[in-house]
Amino acid sequence: MAKQFHKVEVHNGHNTSFWFDSWSDLGCLEEIVGERGHLDLGIQKPAKVGESGTDDEDVAKWKARDGNYKAKFVTRDTWYQIRTAKPSVNWYKGVWFSQSTPKYTFMSWLAFQNRLAT
């Protein structure tokens, strides 16, 4: 699932796989052309993009909340992109607060969800 949030900014290409890394705007080329793609195009599977790159190092980038790719991975940004947000409920602050007792908070939450077993 995280694969969709990762890409490589190619500079020298020595560490970037031609077929298996997401370095082009198309994404992972192996997923697009299939298993026979390397045979049809005559480019071996272990090929690196670096055969035509510069001297600068490649940069792994992660998709941020704003949709741009950045060099720093932030778990929170990825979490907000994959989760389904639900609207806040009016009883939220009465149940979930920093000094609450976890046992009672959980029981209150179950009650508001009408999920108590009794």
PDB file of N, CA and C in Angstrom:
ATOM      1  N   MET A   1       0.811  -1.182   0.000  1.00  0.00           N
ATOM      2  CA  MET A   1       0.000   0.000   0.000  1.00  0.00           C
ATOM      3  C   MET A   1       0.868   1.265   0.000  1.00  0.00           C
ATOM      4  N   ALA A   2       2.005   1.211   0.691  1.00  0.00           N
ATOM      5  CA  ALA A   2       2.881   2.377   0.768  1.00  0.00           C
ATOM      6  C   ALA A   2       3.593   2.648  -0.549  1.00  0.00           C
ATOM      7  N   LYS A   3       3.655   1.659  -1.417  1.00  0.00           N
ATOM      8  CA  LYS A   3       4.356   1.812  -2.686  1.00  0.00           C
ATOM      9  C   LYS A   3       3.828   2.991  -3.500  1.00  0.00           C
ATOM     10  N   GLN A   4       2.537   3.281  -3.403  1.00  0.00           N
ATOM     11  CA  GLN A   4       1.943   4.366  -4.164  1.00  0.00           C
ATOM     12  C   GLN A   4       2.397   5.745  -3.692  1.00  0.00           C
ATOM     13  N   PHE A   5       3.015   5.826  -2.512  1.00  0.00           N
ATOM     14  CA  PHE A   5       3.470   7.094  -1.964  1.00  0.00           C
ATOM     15  C   PHE A   5       4.975   7.297  -2.110  1.00  0.00           C
ATOM     16  N   HIS A   6       5.662   6.423  -2.819  1.00  0.00           N
ATOM     17  CA  HIS A   6       7.123   6.476  -2.934  1.00  0.00           C
ATOM     18  C   HIS A   6       7.545   6.598  -4.379  1.00  0.00           C
ATOM     19  N   LYS A   7       8.576   7.401  -4.622  1.00  0.00           N
ATOM     20  CA  LYS A   7       9.197   7.467  -5.931  1.00  0.00           C
ATOM     21  C   LYS A   7      10.641   7.878  -5.745  1.00  0.00           C
ATOM     22  N   VAL A   8      11.452   7.759  -6.809  1.00  0.00           N
ATOM     23  CA  VAL A   8      12.863   8.096  -6.734  1.00  0.00           C
ATOM     24  C   VAL A   8      13.142   9.259  -7.679  1.00  0.00           C
ATOM     25  N   GLU A   9      13.822  10.275  -7.167  1.00  0.00           N
ATOM     26  CA  GLU A   9      14.304  11.368  -8.013  1.00  0.00           C
ATOM     27  C   GLU A   9      15.691  10.972  -8.482  1.00  0.00           C
ATOM     28  N   VAL A  10      15.831  10.745  -9.756  1.00  0.00           N
ATOM     29  CA  VAL A  10      17.075  10.211 -10.311  1.00  0.00           C
ATOM     30  C   VAL A  10      18.085  11.322 -10.566  1.00  0.00           C
ATOM     31  N   HIS A  11      19.310  11.085 -10.085  1.00  0.00           N
ATOM     32  CA  HIS A  11      20.435  11.970 -10.391  1.00  0.00           C
ATOM     33  C   HIS A  11      21.498  11.157 -11.107  1.00  0.00           C
ATOM     34  N   ASN A  12      22.180  10.252 -10.368  1.00  0.00           N
ATOM     35  CA  ASN A  12      23.163   9.410 -11.049  1.00  0.00           C
ATOM     36  C   ASN A  12      22.579   8.055 -11.433  1.00  0.00           C
ATOM     37  N   GLY A  13      21.505   7.641 -10.806  1.00  0.00           N
ATOM     38  CA  GLY A  13      20.803   6.416 -11.162  1.00  0.00           C
ATOM     39  C   GLY A  13      21.504   5.121 -10.801  1.00  0.00           C
ATOM     40  N   HIS A  14      22.595   5.195 -10.064  1.00  0.00           N
ATOM     41  CA  HIS A  14      23.347   3.980  -9.727  1.00  0.00           C
ATOM     42  C   HIS A  14      22.604   3.061  -8.765  1.00  0.00           C
ATOM     43  N   ASN A  15      21.714   3.604  -7.954  1.00  0.00           N
ATOM     44  CA  ASN A  15      20.974   2.801  -6.977  1.00  0.00           C
ATOM     45  C   ASN A  15      19.508   2.624  -7.347  1.00  0.00           C
ATOM     46  N   THR A  16      19.138   3.033  -8.547  1.00  0.00           N
ATOM     47  CA  THR A  16      17.737   2.985  -8.959  1.00  0.00           C
ATOM     48  C   THR A  16      17.539   1.926 -10.030  1.00  0.00           C
ATOM     49  N   SER A  17      16.672   0.957  -9.736  1.00  0.00           N
ATOM     50  CA  SER A  17      16.374  -0.109 -10.681  1.00  0.00           C
ATOM     51  C   SER A  17      15.525   0.436 -11.826  1.00  0.00           C
ATOM     52  N   PHE A  18      15.918   0.122 -13.058  1.00  0.00           N
ATOM     53  CA  PHE A  18      15.171   0.562 -14.230  1.00  0.00           C
ATOM     54  C   PHE A  18      13.767   0.000 -14.225  1.00  0.00           C
ATOM     55  N   TRP A  19      13.621  -1.259 -13.811  1.00  0.00           N
ATOM     56  CA  TRP A  19      12.333  -1.944 -13.907  1.00  0.00           C
ATOM     57  C   TRP A  19      11.494  -1.879 -12.642  1.00  0.00           C
ATOM     58  N   PHE A  20      12.101  -1.910 -11.468  1.00  0.00           N
ATOM     59  CA  PHE A  20      11.342  -2.133 -10.230  1.00  0.00           C
ATOM     60  C   PHE A  20      11.154  -0.902  -9.349  1.00  0.00           C
ATOM     61  N   ASP A  21      11.873   0.193  -9.586  1.00  0.00           N
ATOM     62  CA  ASP A  21      11.689   1.415  -8.804  1.00  0.00           C
ATOM     63  C   ASP A  21      10.779   2.378  -9.551  1.00  0.00           C
ATOM     64  N   SER A  22      10.059   3.173  -8.798  1.00  0.00           N
ATOM     65  CA  SER A  22       9.162   4.168  -9.392  1.00  0.00           C
ATOM     66  C   SER A  22       9.954   5.455  -9.605  1.00  0.00           C
ATOM     67  N   TRP A  23      10.570   5.581 -10.748  1.00  0.00           N
ATOM     68  CA  TRP A  23      11.395   6.752 -11.042  1.00  0.00           C
ATOM     69  C   TRP A  23      10.815   7.587 -12.186  1.00  0.00           C
ATOM     70  N   SER A  24       9.970   7.010 -13.005  1.00  0.00           N
ATOM     71  CA  SER A  24       9.381   7.762 -14.117  1.00  0.00           C
ATOM     72  C   SER A  24       7.974   8.220 -13.738  1.00  0.00           C
ATOM     73  N   ASP A  25       7.421   9.126 -14.530  1.00  0.00           N
ATOM     74  CA  ASP A  25       6.055   9.585 -14.276  1.00  0.00           C
ATOM     75  C   ASP A  25       5.043   8.466 -14.477  1.00  0.00           C
ATOM     76  N   LEU A  26       5.437   7.413 -15.173  1.00  0.00           N
ATOM     77  CA  LEU A  26       4.547   6.277 -15.412  1.00  0.00           C
ATOM     78  C   LEU A  26       4.438   5.357 -14.203  1.00  0.00           C
ATOM     79  N   GLY A  27       5.405   5.443 -13.281  1.00  0.00           N
ATOM     80  CA  GLY A  27       5.438   4.558 -12.125  1.00  0.00           C
ATOM     81  C   GLY A  27       6.433   3.431 -12.345  1.00  0.00           C
ATOM     82  N   CYS A  28       6.208   2.312 -11.725  1.00  0.00           N
ATOM     83  CA  CYS A  28       7.075   1.137 -11.848  1.00  0.00           C
ATOM     84  C   CYS A  28       6.883   0.530 -13.235  1.00  0.00           C
ATOM     85  N   LEU A  29       7.939   0.524 -14.027  1.00  0.00           N
ATOM     86  CA  LEU A  29       7.823   0.069 -15.419  1.00  0.00           C
ATOM     87  C   LEU A  29       7.510  -1.416 -15.532  1.00  0.00           C
ATOM     88  N   GLU A  30       7.975  -2.215 -14.587  1.00  0.00           N
ATOM     89  CA  GLU A  30       7.713  -3.652 -14.631  1.00  0.00           C
ATOM     90  C   GLU A  30       6.222  -3.934 -14.487  1.00  0.00           C
ATOM     91  N   GLU A  31       5.533  -3.119 -13.699  1.00  0.00           N
ATOM     92  CA  GLU A  31       4.090  -3.289 -13.520  1.00  0.00           C
ATOM     93  C   GLU A  31       3.321  -2.886 -14.782  1.00  0.00           C
ATOM     94  N   ILE A  32       3.877  -1.990 -15.563  1.00  0.00           N
ATOM     95  CA  ILE A  32       3.202  -1.507 -16.769  1.00  0.00           C
ATOM     96  C   ILE A  32       3.388  -2.462 -17.942  1.00  0.00           C
ATOM     97  N   VAL A  33       4.634  -2.880 -18.184  1.00  0.00           N
ATOM     98  CA  VAL A  33       4.917  -3.710 -19.364  1.00  0.00           C
ATOM     99  C   VAL A  33       4.833  -5.199 -19.082  1.00  0.00           C
ATOM    100  N   GLY A  34       4.759  -5.589 -17.816  1.00  0.00           N
ATOM    101  CA  GLY A  34       4.648  -7.002 -17.461  1.00  0.00           C
ATOM    102  C   GLY A  34       5.990  -7.703 -17.398  1.00  0.00           C
ATOM    103  N   GLU A  35       5.929  -9.000 -17.131  1.00  0.00           N
ATOM    104  CA  GLU A  35       7.147  -9.783 -16.928  1.00  0.00           C
ATOM    105  C   GLU A  35       7.989  -9.930 -18.195  1.00  0.00           C
ATOM    106  N   ARG A  36       7.372  -9.842 -19.347  1.00  0.00           N
ATOM    107  CA  ARG A  36       8.115  -9.989 -20.606  1.00  0.00           C
ATOM    108  C   ARG A  36       8.685  -8.674 -21.122  1.00  0.00           C
ATOM    109  N   GLY A  37       8.406  -7.572 -20.444  1.00  0.00           N
ATOM    110  CA  GLY A  37       8.839  -6.257 -20.904  1.00  0.00           C
ATOM    111  C   GLY A  37      10.330  -6.150 -21.105  1.00  0.00           C
ATOM    112  N   HIS A  38      11.103  -6.701 -20.177  1.00  0.00           N
ATOM    113  CA  HIS A  38      12.557  -6.611 -20.316  1.00  0.00           C
ATOM    114  C   HIS A  38      13.050  -7.398 -21.522  1.00  0.00           C
ATOM    115  N   LEU A  39      12.377  -8.480 -21.860  1.00  0.00           N
ATOM    116  CA  LEU A  39      12.765  -9.255 -23.050  1.00  0.00           C
ATOM    117  C   LEU A  39      12.391  -8.511 -24.326  1.00  0.00           C
ATOM    118  N   ASP A  40      11.175  -7.951 -24.358  1.00  0.00           N
ATOM    119  CA  ASP A  40      10.707  -7.247 -25.543  1.00  0.00           C
ATOM    120  C   ASP A  40      11.534  -6.002 -25.837  1.00  0.00           C
ATOM    121  N   LEU A  41      11.965  -5.301 -24.787  1.00  0.00           N
ATOM    122  CA  LEU A  41      12.739  -4.073 -24.988  1.00  0.00           C
ATOM    123  C   LEU A  41      14.242  -4.302 -25.006  1.00  0.00           C
ATOM    124  N   GLY A  42      14.676  -5.484 -24.617  1.00  0.00           N
ATOM    125  CA  GLY A  42      16.105  -5.797 -24.637  1.00  0.00           C
ATOM    126  C   GLY A  42      16.887  -5.150 -23.507  1.00  0.00           C
ATOM    127  N   ILE A  43      16.210  -4.814 -22.421  1.00  0.00           N
ATOM    128  CA  ILE A  43      16.873  -4.229 -21.250  1.00  0.00           C
ATOM    129  C   ILE A  43      16.802  -5.259 -20.131  1.00  0.00           C
ATOM    130  N   GLN A  44      17.964  -5.673 -19.629  1.00  0.00           N
ATOM    131  CA  GLN A  44      18.015  -6.737 -18.632  1.00  0.00           C
ATOM    132  C   GLN A  44      17.342  -6.319 -17.332  1.00  0.00           C
ATOM    133  N   LYS A  45      16.839  -7.311 -16.579  1.00  0.00           N
ATOM    134  CA  LYS A  45      16.143  -7.040 -15.313  1.00  0.00           C
ATOM    135  C   LYS A  45      17.018  -6.320 -14.287  1.00  0.00           C
ATOM    136  N   PRO A  46      18.293  -6.675 -14.119  1.00  0.00           N
ATOM    137  CA  PRO A  46      19.094  -5.958 -13.114  1.00  0.00           C
ATOM    138  C   PRO A  46      19.602  -4.589 -13.571  1.00  0.00           C
ATOM    139  N   ALA A  47      19.154  -4.082 -14.698  1.00  0.00           N
ATOM    140  CA  ALA A  47      19.638  -2.799 -15.217  1.00  0.00           C
ATOM    141  C   ALA A  47      19.318  -1.660 -14.255  1.00  0.00           C
ATOM    142  N   LYS A  48      20.218  -0.710 -14.184  1.00  0.00           N
ATOM    143  CA  LYS A  48      20.044   0.487 -13.363  1.00  0.00           C
ATOM    144  C   LYS A  48      19.828   1.684 -14.276  1.00  0.00           C
ATOM    145  N   VAL A  49      19.133   2.663 -13.774  1.00  0.00           N
ATOM    146  CA  VAL A  49      18.887   3.877 -14.545  1.00  0.00           C
ATOM    147  C   VAL A  49      20.196   4.629 -14.751  1.00  0.00           C
ATOM    148  N   GLY A  50      21.169   4.402 -13.889  1.00  0.00           N
ATOM    149  CA  GLY A  50      22.435   5.124 -13.893  1.00  0.00           C
ATOM    150  C   GLY A  50      23.270   4.993 -15.142  1.00  0.00           C
ATOM    151  N   GLU A  51      22.893   4.149 -16.036  1.00  0.00           N
ATOM    152  CA  GLU A  51      23.669   4.015 -17.260  1.00  0.00           C
ATOM    153  C   GLU A  51      23.614   5.271 -18.116  1.00  0.00           C
ATOM    154  N   SER A  52      22.709   6.207 -17.744  1.00  0.00           N
ATOM    155  CA  SER A  52      22.642   7.471 -18.476  1.00  0.00           C
ATOM    156  C   SER A  52      22.475   8.658 -17.525  1.00  0.00           C
ATOM    157  N   GLY A  53      22.927   8.526 -16.265  1.00  0.00           N
ATOM    158  CA  GLY A  53      22.710   9.563 -15.264  1.00  0.00           C
ATOM    159  C   GLY A  53      23.875  10.502 -15.080  1.00  0.00           C
ATOM    160  N   THR A  54      23.777  11.365 -14.040  1.00  0.00           N
ATOM    161  CA  THR A  54      24.829  12.325 -13.690  1.00  0.00           C
ATOM    162  C   THR A  54      25.607  11.780 -12.495  1.00  0.00           C
ATOM    163  N   ASP A  55      26.418  12.620 -11.854  1.00  0.00           N
ATOM    164  CA  ASP A  55      27.212  12.185 -10.699  1.00  0.00           C
ATOM    165  C   ASP A  55      26.490  12.370  -9.363  1.00  0.00           C
ATOM    166  N   ASP A  56      25.382  13.091  -9.322  1.00  0.00           N
ATOM    167  CA  ASP A  56      24.658  13.323  -8.073  1.00  0.00           C
ATOM    168  C   ASP A  56      23.932  12.056  -7.633  1.00  0.00           C
ATOM    169  N   GLU A  57      23.773  11.906  -6.307  1.00  0.00           N
ATOM    170  CA  GLU A  57      23.089  10.743  -5.753  1.00  0.00           C
ATOM    171  C   GLU A  57      21.585  10.818  -6.008  1.00  0.00           C
ATOM    172  N   ASP A  58      20.949   9.647  -6.153  1.00  0.00           N
ATOM    173  CA  ASP A  58      19.502   9.576  -6.293  1.00  0.00           C
ATOM    174  C   ASP A  58      18.850   9.921  -4.963  1.00  0.00           C
ATOM    175  N   VAL A  59      17.616  10.409  -5.003  1.00  0.00           N
ATOM    176  CA  VAL A  59      16.903  10.806  -3.795  1.00  0.00           C
ATOM    177  C   VAL A  59      15.566  10.074  -3.745  1.00  0.00           C
ATOM    178  N   ALA A  60      15.353   9.297  -2.671  1.00  0.00           N
ATOM    179  CA  ALA A  60      14.055   8.643  -2.469  1.00  0.00           C
ATOM    180  C   ALA A  60      13.097   9.690  -1.926  1.00  0.00           C
ATOM    181  N   LYS A  61      11.899   9.759  -2.518  1.00  0.00           N
ATOM    182  CA  LYS A  61      10.921  10.768  -2.102  1.00  0.00           C
ATOM    183  C   LYS A  61       9.594  10.113  -1.748  1.00  0.00           C
ATOM    184  N   TRP A  62       8.869  10.769  -0.828  1.00  0.00           N
ATOM    185  CA  TRP A  62       7.582  10.276  -0.348  1.00  0.00           C
ATOM    186  C   TRP A  62       6.524  11.328  -0.567  1.00  0.00           C
ATOM    187  N   LYS A  63       5.331  10.883  -0.891  1.00  0.00           N
ATOM    188  CA  LYS A  63       4.227  11.797  -1.167  1.00  0.00           C
ATOM    189  C   LYS A  63       3.723  12.422   0.128  1.00  0.00           C
ATOM    190  N   ALA A  64       3.696  13.746   0.167  1.00  0.00           N
ATOM    191  CA  ALA A  64       3.216  14.475   1.337  1.00  0.00           C
ATOM    192  C   ALA A  64       1.714  14.714   1.205  1.00  0.00           C
ATOM    193  N   ARG A  65       1.125  15.287   2.250  1.00  0.00           N
ATOM    194  CA  ARG A  65      -0.314  15.536   2.256  1.00  0.00           C
ATOM    195  C   ARG A  65      -0.756  16.470   1.134  1.00  0.00           C
ATOM    196  N   ASP A  66       0.120  17.391   0.742  1.00  0.00           N
ATOM    197  CA  ASP A  66      -0.243  18.346  -0.307  1.00  0.00           C
ATOM    198  C   ASP A  66      -0.108  17.767  -1.714  1.00  0.00           C
ATOM    199  N   GLY A  67       0.315  16.498  -1.819  1.00  0.00           N
ATOM    200  CA  GLY A  67       0.424  15.837  -3.116  1.00  0.00           C
ATOM    201  C   GLY A  67       1.804  15.937  -3.738  1.00  0.00           C
ATOM    202  N   ASN A  68       2.685  16.768  -3.186  1.00  0.00           N
ATOM    203  CA  ASN A  68       4.055  16.881  -3.689  1.00  0.00           C
ATOM    204  C   ASN A  68       4.932  15.821  -3.037  1.00  0.00           C
ATOM    205  N   TYR A  69       5.982  15.415  -3.737  1.00  0.00           N
ATOM    206  CA  TYR A  69       6.912  14.429  -3.203  1.00  0.00           C
ATOM    207  C   TYR A  69       8.055  15.140  -2.497  1.00  0.00           C
ATOM    208  N   LYS A  70       8.398  14.655  -1.286  1.00  0.00           N
ATOM    209  CA  LYS A  70       9.459  15.259  -0.483  1.00  0.00           C
ATOM    210  C   LYS A  70      10.448  14.186  -0.048  1.00  0.00           C
ATOM    211  N   ALA A  71      11.676  14.608   0.252  1.00  0.00           N
ATOM    212  CA  ALA A  71      12.741  13.668   0.610  1.00  0.00           C
ATOM    213  C   ALA A  71      12.569  13.075   2.001  1.00  0.00           C
ATOM    214  N   LYS A  72      11.754  13.678   2.850  1.00  0.00           N
ATOM    215  CA  LYS A  72      11.564  13.192   4.215  1.00  0.00           C
ATOM    216  C   LYS A  72      10.258  12.401   4.306  1.00  0.00           C
ATOM    217  N   PHE A  73      10.333  11.198   4.877  1.00  0.00           N
ATOM    218  CA  PHE A  73       9.142  10.379   5.095  1.00  0.00           C
ATOM    219  C   PHE A  73       8.476  10.808   6.393  1.00  0.00           C
ATOM    220  N   VAL A  74       7.183  11.105   6.318  1.00  0.00           N
ATOM    221  CA  VAL A  74       6.412  11.492   7.504  1.00  0.00           C
ATOM    222  C   VAL A  74       5.233  10.529   7.620  1.00  0.00           C
ATOM    223  N   THR A  75       5.240   9.725   8.663  1.00  0.00           N
ATOM    224  CA  THR A  75       4.197   8.729   8.859  1.00  0.00           C
ATOM    225  C   THR A  75       2.817   9.366   8.899  1.00  0.00           C
ATOM    226  N   ARG A  76       2.694  10.500   9.560  1.00  0.00           N
ATOM    227  CA  ARG A  76       1.412  11.188   9.688  1.00  0.00           C
ATOM    228  C   ARG A  76       0.831  11.536   8.311  1.00  0.00           C
ATOM    229  N   ASP A  77       1.672  12.025   7.390  1.00  0.00           N
ATOM    230  CA  ASP A  77       1.194  12.378   6.055  1.00  0.00           C
ATOM    231  C   ASP A  77       0.656  11.158   5.317  1.00  0.00           C
ATOM    232  N   THR A  78       1.371  10.047   5.404  1.00  0.00           N
ATOM    233  CA  THR A  78       0.924   8.824   4.745  1.00  0.00           C
ATOM    234  C   THR A  78      -0.366   8.321   5.381  1.00  0.00           C
ATOM    235  N   TRP A  79      -0.453   8.388   6.712  1.00  0.00           N
ATOM    236  CA  TRP A  79      -1.652   7.943   7.413  1.00  0.00           C
ATOM    237  C   TRP A  79      -2.866   8.741   6.957  1.00  0.00           C
ATOM    238  N   TYR A  80      -2.741  10.050   6.861  1.00  0.00           N
ATOM    239  CA  TYR A  80      -3.884  10.876   6.451  1.00  0.00           C
ATOM    240  C   TYR A  80      -4.289  10.617   5.005  1.00  0.00           C
ATOM    241  N   GLN A  81      -3.372  10.143   4.184  1.00  0.00           N
ATOM    242  CA  GLN A  81      -3.701   9.866   2.790  1.00  0.00           C
ATOM    243  C   GLN A  81      -4.406   8.530   2.605  1.00  0.00           C
ATOM    244  N   ILE A  82      -4.140   7.564   3.491  1.00  0.00           N
ATOM    245  CA  ILE A  82      -4.748   6.248   3.298  1.00  0.00           C
ATOM    246  C   ILE A  82      -5.993   6.020   4.156  1.00  0.00           C
ATOM    247  N   ARG A  83      -6.194   6.837   5.168  1.00  0.00           N
ATOM    248  CA  ARG A  83      -7.348   6.619   6.048  1.00  0.00           C
ATOM    249  C   ARG A  83      -8.609   7.260   5.468  1.00  0.00           C
ATOM    250  N   THR A  84      -9.738   6.772   5.910  1.00  0.00           N
ATOM    251  CA  THR A  84     -11.019   7.344   5.550  1.00  0.00           C
ATOM    252  C   THR A  84     -11.480   8.212   6.710  1.00  0.00           C
ATOM    253  N   ALA A  85     -11.552   9.508   6.494  1.00  0.00           N
ATOM    254  CA  ALA A  85     -11.918  10.439   7.569  1.00  0.00           C
ATOM    255  C   ALA A  85     -13.421  10.401   7.804  1.00  0.00           C
ATOM    256  N   LYS A  86     -13.793  10.394   9.051  1.00  0.00           N
ATOM    257  CA  LYS A  86     -15.202  10.425   9.461  1.00  0.00           C
ATOM    258  C   LYS A  86     -15.477  11.764  10.135  1.00  0.00           C
ATOM    259  N   PRO A  87     -16.688  12.261  10.081  1.00  0.00           N
ATOM    260  CA  PRO A  87     -16.986  13.531  10.754  1.00  0.00           C
ATOM    261  C   PRO A  87     -16.903  13.376  12.273  1.00  0.00           C
ATOM    262  N   SER A  88     -16.527  14.449  12.957  1.00  0.00           N
ATOM    263  CA  SER A  88     -16.458  14.432  14.421  1.00  0.00           C
ATOM    264  C   SER A  88     -17.869  14.343  14.998  1.00  0.00           C
ATOM    265  N   VAL A  89     -17.971  13.714  16.159  1.00  0.00           N
ATOM    266  CA  VAL A  89     -19.261  13.599  16.838  1.00  0.00           C
ATOM    267  C   VAL A  89     -19.282  14.578  18.005  1.00  0.00           C
ATOM    268  N   ASN A  90     -20.471  14.949  18.461  1.00  0.00           N
ATOM    269  CA  ASN A  90     -20.581  15.967  19.497  1.00  0.00           C
ATOM    270  C   ASN A  90     -20.090  15.495  20.866  1.00  0.00           C
ATOM    271  N   TRP A  91     -19.990  14.197  21.117  1.00  0.00           N
ATOM    272  CA  TRP A  91     -19.568  13.690  22.418  1.00  0.00           C
ATOM    273  C   TRP A  91     -18.068  13.415  22.481  1.00  0.00           C
ATOM    274  N   TYR A  92     -17.323  13.728  21.437  1.00  0.00           N
ATOM    275  CA  TYR A  92     -15.898  13.411  21.334  1.00  0.00           C
ATOM    276  C   TYR A  92     -15.081  13.921  22.533  1.00  0.00           C
ATOM    277  N   LYS A  93     -15.180  15.212  22.857  1.00  0.00           N
ATOM    278  CA  LYS A  93     -14.347  15.797  23.926  1.00  0.00           C
ATOM    279  C   LYS A  93     -14.723  15.286  25.312  1.00  0.00           C
ATOM    280  N   GLY A  94     -15.930  14.807  25.475  1.00  0.00           N
ATOM    281  CA  GLY A  94     -16.342  14.266  26.757  1.00  0.00           C
ATOM    282  C   GLY A  94     -15.806  12.867  27.017  1.00  0.00           C
ATOM    283  N   VAL A  95     -15.389  12.170  25.980  1.00  0.00           N
ATOM    284  CA  VAL A  95     -14.880  10.807  26.122  1.00  0.00           C
ATOM    285  C   VAL A  95     -13.365  10.754  25.974  1.00  0.00           C
ATOM    286  N   TRP A  96     -12.818  11.402  24.951  1.00  0.00           N
ATOM    287  CA  TRP A  96     -11.383  11.317  24.648  1.00  0.00           C
ATOM    288  C   TRP A  96     -10.689  12.603  25.101  1.00  0.00           C
ATOM    289  N   PHE A  97     -10.067  12.569  26.261  1.00  0.00           N
ATOM    290  CA  PHE A  97      -9.290  13.705  26.759  1.00  0.00           C
ATOM    291  C   PHE A  97      -8.067  13.159  27.483  1.00  0.00           C
ATOM    292  N   SER A  98      -7.068  13.990  27.679  1.00  0.00           N
ATOM    293  CA  SER A  98      -5.755  13.515  28.137  1.00  0.00           C
ATOM    294  C   SER A  98      -5.749  12.898  29.532  1.00  0.00           C
ATOM    295  N   GLN A  99      -6.591  13.327  30.463  1.00  0.00           N
ATOM    296  CA  GLN A  99      -6.580  12.770  31.812  1.00  0.00           C
ATOM    297  C   GLN A  99      -7.594  11.641  31.996  1.00  0.00           C
ATOM    298  N   SER A 100      -8.183  11.155  30.950  1.00  0.00           N
ATOM    299  CA  SER A 100      -9.203  10.111  31.081  1.00  0.00           C
ATOM    300  C   SER A 100      -8.569   8.761  31.438  1.00  0.00           C
ATOM    301  N   THR A 101      -9.347   7.920  32.088  1.00  0.00           N
ATOM    302  CA  THR A 101      -8.925   6.570  32.420  1.00  0.00           C
ATOM    303  C   THR A 101      -9.262   5.681  31.218  1.00  0.00           C
ATOM    304  N   PRO A 102      -8.288   4.982  30.643  1.00  0.00           N
ATOM    305  CA  PRO A 102      -8.530   4.211  29.418  1.00  0.00           C
ATOM    306  C   PRO A 102      -9.703   3.240  29.506  1.00  0.00           C
ATOM    307  N   LYS A 103      -9.851   2.554  30.645  1.00  0.00           N
ATOM    308  CA  LYS A 103     -10.938   1.581  30.799  1.00  0.00           C
ATOM    309  C   LYS A 103     -12.304   2.265  30.673  1.00  0.00           C
ATOM    310  N   TYR A 104     -12.469   3.391  31.355  1.00  0.00           N
ATOM    311  CA  TYR A 104     -13.750   4.092  31.333  1.00  0.00           C
ATOM    312  C   TYR A 104     -13.976   4.788  29.992  1.00  0.00           C
ATOM    313  N   THR A 105     -12.915   5.261  29.403  1.00  0.00           N
ATOM    314  CA  THR A 105     -13.023   5.893  28.088  1.00  0.00           C
ATOM    315  C   THR A 105     -13.510   4.877  27.060  1.00  0.00           C
ATOM    316  N   PHE A 106     -12.922   3.701  27.098  1.00  0.00           N
ATOM    317  CA  PHE A 106     -13.319   2.655  26.160  1.00  0.00           C
ATOM    318  C   PHE A 106     -14.773   2.239  26.377  1.00  0.00           C
ATOM    319  N   MET A 107     -15.172   2.074  27.618  1.00  0.00           N
ATOM    320  CA  MET A 107     -16.551   1.694  27.925  1.00  0.00           C
ATOM    321  C   MET A 107     -17.533   2.786  27.483  1.00  0.00           C
ATOM    322  N   SER A 108     -17.169   4.034  27.711  1.00  0.00           N
ATOM    323  CA  SER A 108     -18.026   5.150  27.274  1.00  0.00           C
ATOM    324  C   SER A 108     -18.149   5.159  25.756  1.00  0.00           C
ATOM    325  N   TRP A 109     -17.032   4.935  25.092  1.00  0.00           N
ATOM    326  CA  TRP A 109     -17.044   4.898  23.622  1.00  0.00           C
ATOM    327  C   TRP A 109     -17.968   3.789  23.119  1.00  0.00           C
ATOM    328  N   LEU A 110     -17.886   2.599  23.739  1.00  0.00           N
ATOM    329  CA  LEU A 110     -18.772   1.497  23.356  1.00  0.00           C
ATOM    330  C   LEU A 110     -20.241   1.878  23.580  1.00  0.00           C
ATOM    331  N   ALA A 111     -20.517   2.558  24.688  1.00  0.00           N
ATOM    332  CA  ALA A 111     -21.889   2.967  24.986  1.00  0.00           C
ATOM    333  C   ALA A 111     -22.414   3.928  23.922  1.00  0.00           C
ATOM    334  N   PHE A 112     -21.615   4.913  23.547  1.00  0.00           N
ATOM    335  CA  PHE A 112     -22.038   5.859  22.515  1.00  0.00           C
ATOM    336  C   PHE A 112     -22.227   5.190  21.154  1.00  0.00           C
ATOM    337  N   GLN A 113     -21.492   4.096  20.926  1.00  0.00           N
ATOM    338  CA  GLN A 113     -21.630   3.358  19.681  1.00  0.00           C
ATOM    339  C   GLN A 113     -22.786   2.352  19.744  1.00  0.00           C
ATOM    340  N   ASN A 114     -23.430   2.271  20.915  1.00  0.00           N
ATOM    341  CA  ASN A 114     -24.506   1.306  21.163  1.00  0.00           C
ATOM    342  C   ASN A 114     -23.993  -0.128  20.953  1.00  0.00           C
ATOM    343  N   ARG A 115     -22.794  -0.404  21.480  1.00  0.00           N
ATOM    344  CA  ARG A 115     -22.148  -1.703  21.307  1.00  0.00           C
ATOM    345  C   ARG A 115     -21.839  -2.417  22.614  1.00  0.00           C
ATOM    346  N   LEU A 116     -22.423  -1.978  23.724  1.00  0.00           N
ATOM    347  CA  LEU A 116     -22.214  -2.680  24.983  1.00  0.00           C
ATOM    348  C   LEU A 116     -22.918  -4.033  24.930  1.00  0.00           C
ATOM    349  N   ALA A 117     -22.277  -5.050  25.452  1.00  0.00           N
ATOM    350  CA  ALA A 117     -22.819  -6.400  25.389  1.00  0.00           C
ATOM    351  C   ALA A 117     -23.996  -6.620  26.350  1.00  0.00           C
ATOM    352  N   THR A 118     -24.167  -5.725  27.321  1.00  0.00           N
ATOM    353  CA  THR A 118     -25.257  -5.901  28.297  1.00  0.00           C
ATOM    354  C   THR A 118     -26.468  -5.083  27.959  1.00  0.00           C
TER     355      THR A 118
END
